[in-house]
Structures are given as structure tokens and as C-alpha cells.
């Protein structure tokens, strides 16, 4: 999983990681390099450590992306950057 400050949504390539997915028409989503990839669906991913709503299922991306802005805006997570590392943790 990669952290991305420029993405518009969380994105995953693994349909099995979703708790549910609503199918979507093949709407093209533009990547950072200008490539368009079809949106296969939108759903939620819930793990013991992370809950991500409104995740885009894009089968052709190479890496799952977590949008930092969306993560912070949820109010549930705190993201701290330093020169050596990035820490993401649940807010208390």
C-alpha cells in the first residue's frame, strides 16, 4: 500500500480486499502520468487496523493507494511525517 498526497480517492487493485463493491460503469480515472484506467467499482475496505470508505476498484493499477487528505479528513487517523518515516495511527 502506498500513501499518496495527490490522489483524489483511495484506490485498490484487489477486489478480494473489499467488504463490498458497488459495480460502476467503466468511467476512466486519470493517473498521475496521464494514463486513463477504467473504474470497476466503488466500495469499502475494512481491516483490523484500517477502515477505508469510498475506495475505487481499479484493476489495472500496480499499487494500492491511500489518499492522505481523505485519510486525515475522516477524523479517525493522524498522519505524521518526518525526515525518516511516516506514521499513520488511529486518533484516540
PDB file of N, CA and C in Angstrom:
ATOM      1  N   UNK A   1       0.839  -1.162   0.000  1.00  0.00           N
ATOM      2  CA  UNK A   1       0.000   0.000   0.000  1.00  0.00           C
ATOM      3  C   UNK A   1       0.888   1.231   0.000  1.00  0.00           C
ATOM      4  N   UNK A   2       0.562   2.178  -0.845  1.00  0.00           N
ATOM      5  CA  UNK A   2       1.311   3.413  -0.902  1.00  0.00           C
ATOM      6  C   UNK A   2       0.476   4.577  -0.405  1.00  0.00           C
ATOM      7  N   UNK A   3       1.114   5.560   0.216  1.00  0.00           N
ATOM      8  CA  UNK A   3       0.447   6.792   0.617  1.00  0.00           C
ATOM      9  C   UNK A   3       0.618   7.794  -0.497  1.00  0.00           C
ATOM     10  N   UNK A   4      -0.453   8.505  -0.833  1.00  0.00           N
ATOM     11  CA  UNK A   4      -0.424   9.430  -1.956  1.00  0.00           C
ATOM     12  C   UNK A   4      -1.069  10.744  -1.543  1.00  0.00           C
ATOM     13  N   UNK A   5      -0.362  11.850  -1.726  1.00  0.00           N
ATOM     14  CA  UNK A   5      -0.920  13.156  -1.382  1.00  0.00           C
ATOM     15  C   UNK A   5      -1.638  13.795  -2.557  1.00  0.00           C
ATOM     16  N   UNK A   6      -1.505  13.235  -3.748  1.00  0.00           N
ATOM     17  CA  UNK A   6      -2.117  13.844  -4.925  1.00  0.00           C
ATOM     18  C   UNK A   6      -3.315  13.099  -5.470  1.00  0.00           C
ATOM     19  N   UNK A   7      -3.662  11.971  -4.882  1.00  0.00           N
ATOM     20  CA  UNK A   7      -4.804  11.187  -5.372  1.00  0.00           C
ATOM     21  C   UNK A   7      -6.107  11.862  -4.974  1.00  0.00           C
ATOM     22  N   UNK A   8      -7.185  11.491  -5.653  1.00  0.00           N
ATOM     23  CA  UNK A   8      -8.492  12.036  -5.308  1.00  0.00           C
ATOM     24  C   UNK A   8      -9.287  11.077  -4.435  1.00  0.00           C
ATOM     25  N   UNK A   9      -8.938   9.800  -4.454  1.00  0.00           N
ATOM     26  CA  UNK A   9      -9.630   8.768  -3.687  1.00  0.00           C
ATOM     27  C   UNK A   9      -8.651   7.651  -3.340  1.00  0.00           C
ATOM     28  N   UNK A  10      -9.054   6.843  -2.372  1.00  0.00           N
ATOM     29  CA  UNK A  10      -8.334   5.600  -2.139  1.00  0.00           C
ATOM     30  C   UNK A  10      -8.521   4.746  -3.377  1.00  0.00           C
ATOM     31  N   UNK A  11      -7.533   3.957  -3.741  1.00  0.00           N
ATOM     32  CA  UNK A  11      -7.613   3.095  -4.913  1.00  0.00           C
ATOM     33  C   UNK A  11      -7.009   1.735  -4.596  1.00  0.00           C
ATOM     34  N   UNK A  12      -7.672   0.681  -5.049  1.00  0.00           N
ATOM     35  CA  UNK A  12      -7.169  -0.669  -4.829  1.00  0.00           C
ATOM     36  C   UNK A  12      -7.319  -1.481  -6.100  1.00  0.00           C
ATOM     37  N   UNK A  13      -6.392  -2.408  -6.284  1.00  0.00           N
ATOM     38  CA  UNK A  13      -6.449  -3.300  -7.437  1.00  0.00           C
ATOM     39  C   UNK A  13      -6.973  -4.666  -7.053  1.00  0.00           C
ATOM     40  N   UNK A  14      -7.188  -4.921  -5.746  1.00  0.00           N
ATOM     41  CA  UNK A  14      -7.544  -6.242  -5.244  1.00  0.00           C
ATOM     42  C   UNK A  14      -9.007  -6.293  -4.825  1.00  0.00           C
ATOM     43  N   UNK A  15      -9.862  -6.863  -5.663  1.00  0.00           N
ATOM     44  CA  UNK A  15     -11.296  -6.913  -5.360  1.00  0.00           C
ATOM     45  C   UNK A  15     -11.589  -7.767  -4.131  1.00  0.00           C
ATOM     46  N   UNK A  16     -10.715  -8.712  -3.803  1.00  0.00           N
ATOM     47  CA  UNK A  16     -10.953  -9.574  -2.644  1.00  0.00           C
ATOM     48  C   UNK A  16     -10.740  -8.844  -1.319  1.00  0.00           C
ATOM     49  N   UNK A  17     -10.120  -7.682  -1.324  1.00  0.00           N
ATOM     50  CA  UNK A  17      -9.886  -6.940  -0.086  1.00  0.00           C
ATOM     51  C   UNK A  17     -11.098  -6.091   0.327  1.00  0.00           C
ATOM     52  N   UNK A  18     -12.095  -5.986  -0.550  1.00  0.00           N
ATOM     53  CA  UNK A  18     -13.282  -5.177  -0.267  1.00  0.00           C
ATOM     54  C   UNK A  18     -14.290  -5.968   0.562  1.00  0.00           C
ATOM     55  N   UNK A  19     -14.957  -5.285   1.496  1.00  0.00           N
ATOM     56  CA  UNK A  19     -16.058  -5.922   2.212  1.00  0.00           C
ATOM     57  C   UNK A  19     -17.290  -5.960   1.311  1.00  0.00           C
ATOM     58  N   UNK A  20     -17.440  -4.957   0.466  1.00  0.00           N
ATOM     59  CA  UNK A  20     -18.459  -4.941  -0.579  1.00  0.00           C
ATOM     60  C   UNK A  20     -18.025  -3.962  -1.652  1.00  0.00           C
ATOM     61  N   UNK A  21     -18.496  -4.179  -2.876  1.00  0.00           N
ATOM     62  CA  UNK A  21     -18.189  -3.291  -4.001  1.00  0.00           C
ATOM     63  C   UNK A  21     -19.468  -3.069  -4.791  1.00  0.00           C
ATOM     64  N   UNK A  22     -19.780  -1.815  -5.059  1.00  0.00           N
ATOM     65  CA  UNK A  22     -20.875  -1.494  -5.958  1.00  0.00           C
ATOM     66  C   UNK A  22     -20.287  -1.360  -7.354  1.00  0.00           C
ATOM     67  N   UNK A  23     -20.769  -2.153  -8.309  1.00  0.00           N
ATOM     68  CA  UNK A  23     -20.246  -2.045  -9.676  1.00  0.00           C
ATOM     69  C   UNK A  23     -20.445  -0.626 -10.211  1.00  0.00           C
ATOM     70  N   UNK A  24     -19.560  -0.243 -11.079  1.00  0.00           N
ATOM     71  CA  UNK A  24     -19.604   1.098 -11.647  1.00  0.00           C
ATOM     72  C   UNK A  24     -19.431   0.991 -13.157  1.00  0.00           C
ATOM     73  N   UNK A  25     -20.060   1.909 -13.886  1.00  0.00           N
ATOM     74  CA  UNK A  25     -19.744   1.933 -15.313  1.00  0.00           C
ATOM     75  C   UNK A  25     -18.245   2.197 -15.486  1.00  0.00           C
ATOM     76  N   UNK A  26     -17.688   1.768 -16.561  1.00  0.00           N
ATOM     77  CA  UNK A  26     -16.240   1.905 -16.797  1.00  0.00           C
ATOM     78  C   UNK A  26     -15.865   3.365 -17.022  1.00  0.00           C
ATOM     79  N   UNK A  27     -15.937   4.137 -15.962  1.00  0.00           N
ATOM     80  CA  UNK A  27     -15.558   5.554 -16.009  1.00  0.00           C
ATOM     81  C   UNK A  27     -14.041   5.631 -15.957  1.00  0.00           C
ATOM     82  N   UNK A  28     -13.411   6.363 -16.866  1.00  0.00           N
ATOM     83  CA  UNK A  28     -11.942   6.440 -16.831  1.00  0.00           C
ATOM     84  C   UNK A  28     -11.444   7.325 -15.689  1.00  0.00           C
ATOM     85  N   UNK A  29     -10.418   6.840 -14.996  1.00  0.00           N
ATOM     86  CA  UNK A  29      -9.756   7.590 -13.928  1.00  0.00           C
ATOM     87  C   UNK A  29      -8.346   7.873 -14.405  1.00  0.00           C
ATOM     88  N   UNK A  30      -7.945   9.152 -14.355  1.00  0.00           N
ATOM     89  CA  UNK A  30      -6.613   9.524 -14.836  1.00  0.00           C
ATOM     90  C   UNK A  30      -5.576   9.362 -13.730  1.00  0.00           C
ATOM     91  N   UNK A  31      -4.476   8.696 -14.048  1.00  0.00           N
ATOM     92  CA  UNK A  31      -3.375   8.528 -13.109  1.00  0.00           C
ATOM     93  C   UNK A  31      -2.420   9.715 -13.223  1.00  0.00           C
ATOM     94  N   UNK A  32      -1.434   9.760 -12.346  1.00  0.00           N
ATOM     95  CA  UNK A  32      -0.502  10.883 -12.301  1.00  0.00           C
ATOM     96  C   UNK A  32       0.270  11.056 -13.605  1.00  0.00           C
ATOM     97  N   UNK A  33       0.508   9.965 -14.337  1.00  0.00           N
ATOM     98  CA  UNK A  33       1.244  10.085 -15.598  1.00  0.00           C
ATOM     99  C   UNK A  33       0.341  10.347 -16.798  1.00  0.00           C
ATOM    100  N   UNK A  34      -0.948  10.605 -16.535  1.00  0.00           N
ATOM    101  CA  UNK A  34      -1.881  10.923 -17.606  1.00  0.00           C
ATOM    102  C   UNK A  34      -2.555   9.721 -18.243  1.00  0.00           C
ATOM    103  N   UNK A  35      -2.251   8.512 -17.752  1.00  0.00           N
ATOM    104  CA  UNK A  35      -2.874   7.300 -18.255  1.00  0.00           C
ATOM    105  C   UNK A  35      -4.292   7.190 -17.701  1.00  0.00           C
ATOM    106  N   UNK A  36      -5.239   6.784 -18.542  1.00  0.00           N
ATOM    107  CA  UNK A  36      -6.600   6.557 -18.086  1.00  0.00           C
ATOM    108  C   UNK A  36      -6.810   5.075 -17.828  1.00  0.00           C
ATOM    109  N   UNK A  37      -7.424   4.766 -16.684  1.00  0.00           N
ATOM    110  CA  UNK A  37      -7.734   3.385 -16.318  1.00  0.00           C
ATOM    111  C   UNK A  37      -9.200   3.307 -15.936  1.00  0.00           C
ATOM    112  N   UNK A  38      -9.897   2.228 -16.304  1.00  0.00           N
ATOM    113  CA  UNK A  38     -11.328   2.152 -16.015  1.00  0.00           C
ATOM    114  C   UNK A  38     -11.628   1.872 -14.537  1.00  0.00           C
ATOM    115  N   UNK A  39     -12.631   2.564 -14.019  1.00  0.00           N
ATOM    116  CA  UNK A  39     -13.126   2.339 -12.666  1.00  0.00           C
ATOM    117  C   UNK A  39     -14.090   1.161 -12.713  1.00  0.00           C
ATOM    118  N   UNK A  40     -13.776   0.090 -11.966  1.00  0.00           N
ATOM    119  CA  UNK A  40     -14.606  -1.114 -11.985  1.00  0.00           C
ATOM    120  C   UNK A  40     -15.698  -1.078 -10.921  1.00  0.00           C
ATOM    121  N   UNK A  41     -15.499  -0.319  -9.847  1.00  0.00           N
ATOM    122  CA  UNK A  41     -16.487  -0.246  -8.780  1.00  0.00           C
ATOM    123  C   UNK A  41     -16.010   0.642  -7.654  1.00  0.00           C
ATOM    124  N   UNK A  42     -16.894   0.841  -6.685  1.00  0.00           N
ATOM    125  CA  UNK A  42     -16.583   1.645  -5.503  1.00  0.00           C
ATOM    126  C   UNK A  42     -17.099   0.880  -4.288  1.00  0.00           C
ATOM    127  N   UNK A  43     -16.288   0.789  -3.238  1.00  0.00           N
ATOM    128  CA  UNK A  43     -16.703   0.056  -2.049  1.00  0.00           C
ATOM    129  C   UNK A  43     -15.881   0.415  -0.841  1.00  0.00           C
ATOM    130  N   UNK A  44     -15.910  -0.459   0.154  1.00  0.00           N
ATOM    131  CA  UNK A  44     -15.202  -0.233   1.413  1.00  0.00           C
ATOM    132  C   UNK A  44     -14.235  -1.370   1.701  1.00  0.00           C
ATOM    133  N   UNK A  45     -13.122  -0.997   2.317  1.00  0.00           N
ATOM    134  CA  UNK A  45     -12.141  -1.966   2.784  1.00  0.00           C
ATOM    135  C   UNK A  45     -12.032  -1.785   4.289  1.00  0.00           C
ATOM    136  N   UNK A  46     -12.234  -2.874   5.025  1.00  0.00           N
ATOM    137  CA  UNK A  46     -12.137  -2.826   6.481  1.00  0.00           C
ATOM    138  C   UNK A  46     -11.195  -3.935   6.927  1.00  0.00           C
ATOM    139  N   UNK A  47     -10.139  -3.544   7.635  1.00  0.00           N
ATOM    140  CA  UNK A  47      -9.184  -4.491   8.195  1.00  0.00           C
ATOM    141  C   UNK A  47      -9.141  -4.247   9.706  1.00  0.00           C
ATOM    142  N   UNK A  48      -8.446  -5.076  10.459  1.00  0.00           N
ATOM    143  CA  UNK A  48      -8.334  -4.817  11.900  1.00  0.00           C
ATOM    144  C   UNK A  48      -7.667  -3.477  12.225  1.00  0.00           C
ATOM    145  N   UNK A  49      -6.882  -2.933  11.283  1.00  0.00           N
ATOM    146  CA  UNK A  49      -6.122  -1.712  11.562  1.00  0.00           C
ATOM    147  C   UNK A  49      -6.565  -0.502  10.757  1.00  0.00           C
ATOM    148  N   UNK A  50      -7.467  -0.698   9.789  1.00  0.00           N
ATOM    149  CA  UNK A  50      -7.784   0.386   8.868  1.00  0.00           C
ATOM    150  C   UNK A  50      -9.185   0.217   8.317  1.00  0.00           C
ATOM    151  N   UNK A  51      -9.930   1.313   8.257  1.00  0.00           N
ATOM    152  CA  UNK A  51     -11.255   1.309   7.661  1.00  0.00           C
ATOM    153  C   UNK A  51     -11.291   2.399   6.591  1.00  0.00           C
ATOM    154  N   UNK A  52     -11.467   1.999   5.345  1.00  0.00           N
ATOM    155  CA  UNK A  52     -11.426   2.939   4.216  1.00  0.00           C
ATOM    156  C   UNK A  52     -12.748   2.898   3.455  1.00  0.00           C
ATOM    157  N   UNK A  53     -13.552   3.963   3.526  1.00  0.00           N
ATOM    158  CA  UNK A  53     -14.781   4.027   2.738  1.00  0.00           C
ATOM    159  C   UNK A  53     -14.497   4.623   1.361  1.00  0.00           C
ATOM    160  N   UNK A  54     -15.409   4.436   0.438  1.00  0.00           N
ATOM    161  CA  UNK A  54     -15.330   5.056  -0.902  1.00  0.00           C
ATOM    162  C   UNK A  54     -14.014   4.765  -1.614  1.00  0.00           C
ATOM    163  N   UNK A  55     -13.621   3.503  -1.621  1.00  0.00           N
ATOM    164  CA  UNK A  55     -12.394   3.080  -2.293  1.00  0.00           C
ATOM    165  C   UNK A  55     -12.727   2.747  -3.745  1.00  0.00           C
ATOM    166  N   UNK A  56     -11.920   3.264  -4.652  1.00  0.00           N
ATOM    167  CA  UNK A  56     -12.083   2.944  -6.073  1.00  0.00           C
ATOM    168  C   UNK A  56     -11.417   1.601  -6.366  1.00  0.00           C
ATOM    169  N   UNK A  57     -12.148   0.714  -7.027  1.00  0.00           N
ATOM    170  CA  UNK A  57     -11.574  -0.537  -7.513  1.00  0.00           C
ATOM    171  C   UNK A  57     -11.112  -0.299  -8.944  1.00  0.00           C
ATOM    172  N   UNK A  58      -9.806  -0.289  -9.135  1.00  0.00           N
ATOM    173  CA  UNK A  58      -9.204  -0.075 -10.450  1.00  0.00           C
ATOM    174  C   UNK A  58      -8.246  -1.236 -10.683  1.00  0.00           C
ATOM    175  N   UNK A  59      -8.673  -2.170 -11.490  1.00  0.00           N
ATOM    176  CA  UNK A  59      -7.963  -3.437 -11.649  1.00  0.00           C
ATOM    177  C   UNK A  59      -6.603  -3.309 -12.322  1.00  0.00           C
ATOM    178  N   UNK A  60      -6.349  -2.212 -13.026  1.00  0.00           N
ATOM    179  CA  UNK A  60      -5.099  -2.092 -13.780  1.00  0.00           C
ATOM    180  C   UNK A  60      -4.010  -1.294 -13.083  1.00  0.00           C
ATOM    181  N   UNK A  61      -4.281  -0.757 -11.889  1.00  0.00           N
ATOM    182  CA  UNK A  61      -3.199  -0.047 -11.196  1.00  0.00           C
ATOM    183  C   UNK A  61      -2.212  -1.062 -10.639  1.00  0.00           C
ATOM    184  N   UNK A  62      -1.002  -0.623 -10.351  1.00  0.00           N
ATOM    185  CA  UNK A  62       0.043  -1.537  -9.890  1.00  0.00           C
ATOM    186  C   UNK A  62       0.223  -1.547  -8.378  1.00  0.00           C
ATOM    187  N   UNK A  63      -0.384  -0.576  -7.680  1.00  0.00           N
ATOM    188  CA  UNK A  63      -0.165  -0.428  -6.254  1.00  0.00           C
ATOM    189  C   UNK A  63      -1.437   0.114  -5.611  1.00  0.00           C
ATOM    190  N   UNK A  64      -1.831  -0.426  -4.470  1.00  0.00           N
ATOM    191  CA  UNK A  64      -2.943   0.142  -3.715  1.00  0.00           C
ATOM    192  C   UNK A  64      -2.504   1.504  -3.190  1.00  0.00           C
ATOM    193  N   UNK A  65      -3.387   2.498  -3.300  1.00  0.00           N
ATOM    194  CA  UNK A  65      -3.049   3.850  -2.866  1.00  0.00           C
ATOM    195  C   UNK A  65      -4.010   4.323  -1.791  1.00  0.00           C
ATOM    196  N   UNK A  66      -3.471   4.917  -0.753  1.00  0.00           N
ATOM    197  CA  UNK A  66      -4.272   5.560   0.282  1.00  0.00           C
ATOM    198  C   UNK A  66      -4.044   7.059   0.142  1.00  0.00           C
ATOM    199  N   UNK A  67      -5.130   7.802  -0.086  1.00  0.00           N
ATOM    200  CA  UNK A  67      -5.052   9.247  -0.250  1.00  0.00           C
ATOM    201  C   UNK A  67      -4.943   9.883   1.134  1.00  0.00           C
ATOM    202  N   UNK A  68      -3.832  10.526   1.412  1.00  0.00           N
ATOM    203  CA  UNK A  68      -3.548  11.092   2.725  1.00  0.00           C
ATOM    204  C   UNK A  68      -4.608  12.112   3.137  1.00  0.00           C
ATOM    205  N   UNK A  69      -5.018  12.981   2.227  1.00  0.00           N
ATOM    206  CA  UNK A  69      -6.016  14.000   2.554  1.00  0.00           C
ATOM    207  C   UNK A  69      -7.334  13.392   2.992  1.00  0.00           C
ATOM    208  N   UNK A  70      -7.785  12.359   2.295  1.00  0.00           N
ATOM    209  CA  UNK A  70      -9.032  11.693   2.643  1.00  0.00           C
ATOM    210  C   UNK A  70      -8.895  10.975   3.988  1.00  0.00           C
ATOM    211  N   UNK A  71      -7.741  10.398   4.241  1.00  0.00           N
ATOM    212  CA  UNK A  71      -7.480   9.712   5.499  1.00  0.00           C
ATOM    213  C   UNK A  71      -7.537  10.699   6.670  1.00  0.00           C
ATOM    214  N   UNK A  72      -6.905  11.854   6.517  1.00  0.00           N
ATOM    215  CA  UNK A  72      -6.896  12.868   7.572  1.00  0.00           C
ATOM    216  C   UNK A  72      -8.272  13.518   7.738  1.00  0.00           C
ATOM    217  N   UNK A  73      -8.973  13.769   6.642  1.00  0.00           N
ATOM    218  CA  UNK A  73     -10.292  14.399   6.709  1.00  0.00           C
ATOM    219  C   UNK A  73     -11.321  13.534   7.410  1.00  0.00           C
ATOM    220  N   UNK A  74     -11.104  12.233   7.444  1.00  0.00           N
ATOM    221  CA  UNK A  74     -12.060  11.342   8.104  1.00  0.00           C
ATOM    222  C   UNK A  74     -12.124  11.619   9.601  1.00  0.00           C
ATOM    223  N   UNK A  75     -11.074  12.203  10.166  1.00  0.00           N
ATOM    224  CA  UNK A  75     -11.033  12.488  11.587  1.00  0.00           C
ATOM    225  C   UNK A  75     -10.653  11.288  12.437  1.00  0.00           C
ATOM    226  N   UNK A  76     -10.498  10.133  11.806  1.00  0.00           N
ATOM    227  CA  UNK A  76     -10.189   8.913  12.541  1.00  0.00           C
ATOM    228  C   UNK A  76      -8.695   8.628  12.625  1.00  0.00           C
ATOM    229  N   UNK A  77      -7.908   9.262  11.772  1.00  0.00           N
ATOM    230  CA  UNK A  77      -6.486   8.936  11.679  1.00  0.00           C
ATOM    231  C   UNK A  77      -5.631  10.180  11.784  1.00  0.00           C
ATOM    232  N   UNK A  78      -4.452   9.988  12.308  1.00  0.00           N
ATOM    233  CA  UNK A  78      -3.438  11.031  12.392  1.00  0.00           C
ATOM    234  C   UNK A  78      -2.247  10.566  11.563  1.00  0.00           C
ATOM    235  N   UNK A  79      -1.781  11.391  10.662  1.00  0.00           N
ATOM    236  CA  UNK A  79      -0.637  11.055   9.822  1.00  0.00           C
ATOM    237  C   UNK A  79       0.478  12.045  10.148  1.00  0.00           C
ATOM    238  N   UNK A  80       1.643  11.518  10.524  1.00  0.00           N
ATOM    239  CA  UNK A  80       2.783  12.347  10.892  1.00  0.00           C
ATOM    240  C   UNK A  80       3.952  11.997   9.979  1.00  0.00           C
ATOM    241  N   UNK A  81       4.547  13.017   9.380  1.00  0.00           N
ATOM    242  CA  UNK A  81       5.697  12.824   8.511  1.00  0.00           C
ATOM    243  C   UNK A  81       6.944  13.353   9.201  1.00  0.00           C
ATOM    244  N   UNK A  82       8.026  12.652   9.038  1.00  0.00           N
ATOM    245  CA  UNK A  82       9.315  13.167   9.466  1.00  0.00           C
ATOM    246  C   UNK A  82      10.302  12.889   8.336  1.00  0.00           C
ATOM    247  N   UNK A  83      11.518  13.281   8.527  1.00  0.00           N
ATOM    248  CA  UNK A  83      12.536  13.066   7.512  1.00  0.00           C
ATOM    249  C   UNK A  83      12.772  11.582   7.247  1.00  0.00           C
ATOM    250  N   UNK A  84      12.586  10.760   8.276  1.00  0.00           N
ATOM    251  CA  UNK A  84      12.926   9.347   8.176  1.00  0.00           C
ATOM    252  C   UNK A  84      11.744   8.410   7.958  1.00  0.00           C
ATOM    253  N   UNK A  85      10.525   8.820   8.326  1.00  0.00           N
ATOM    254  CA  UNK A  85       9.400   7.892   8.238  1.00  0.00           C
ATOM    255  C   UNK A  85       8.071   8.632   8.212  1.00  0.00           C
ATOM    256  N   UNK A  86       7.012   7.882   7.950  1.00  0.00           N
ATOM    257  CA  UNK A  86       5.645   8.376   8.017  1.00  0.00           C
ATOM    258  C   UNK A  86       4.876   7.441   8.947  1.00  0.00           C
ATOM    259  N   UNK A  87       4.157   8.006   9.890  1.00  0.00           N
ATOM    260  CA  UNK A  87       3.378   7.211  10.830  1.00  0.00           C
ATOM    261  C   UNK A  87       1.907   7.529  10.626  1.00  0.00           C
ATOM    262  N   UNK A  88       1.098   6.487  10.493  1.00  0.00           N
ATOM    263  CA  UNK A  88      -0.353   6.634  10.416  1.00  0.00           C
ATOM    264  C   UNK A  88      -0.927   5.863  11.577  1.00  0.00           C
ATOM    265  N   UNK A  89      -1.782   6.511  12.375  1.00  0.00           N
ATOM    266  CA  UNK A  89      -2.312   5.831  13.548  1.00  0.00           C
ATOM    267  C   UNK A  89      -3.735   6.311  13.784  1.00  0.00           C
ATOM    268  N   UNK A  90      -4.507   5.487  14.498  1.00  0.00           N
ATOM    269  CA  UNK A  90      -5.860   5.862  14.892  1.00  0.00           C
ATOM    270  C   UNK A  90      -5.800   6.996  15.899  1.00  0.00           C
ATOM    271  N   UNK A  91      -6.713   7.952  15.765  1.00  0.00           N
ATOM    272  CA  UNK A  91      -6.830   9.014  16.759  1.00  0.00           C
ATOM    273  C   UNK A  91      -7.421   8.412  18.020  1.00  0.00           C
ATOM    274  N   UNK A  92      -7.051   8.889  19.169  1.00  0.00           N
ATOM    275  CA  UNK A  92      -7.611   8.390  20.435  1.00  0.00           C
ATOM    276  C   UNK A  92      -8.898   9.107  20.748  1.00  0.00           C
TER     277      UNK A  92
END
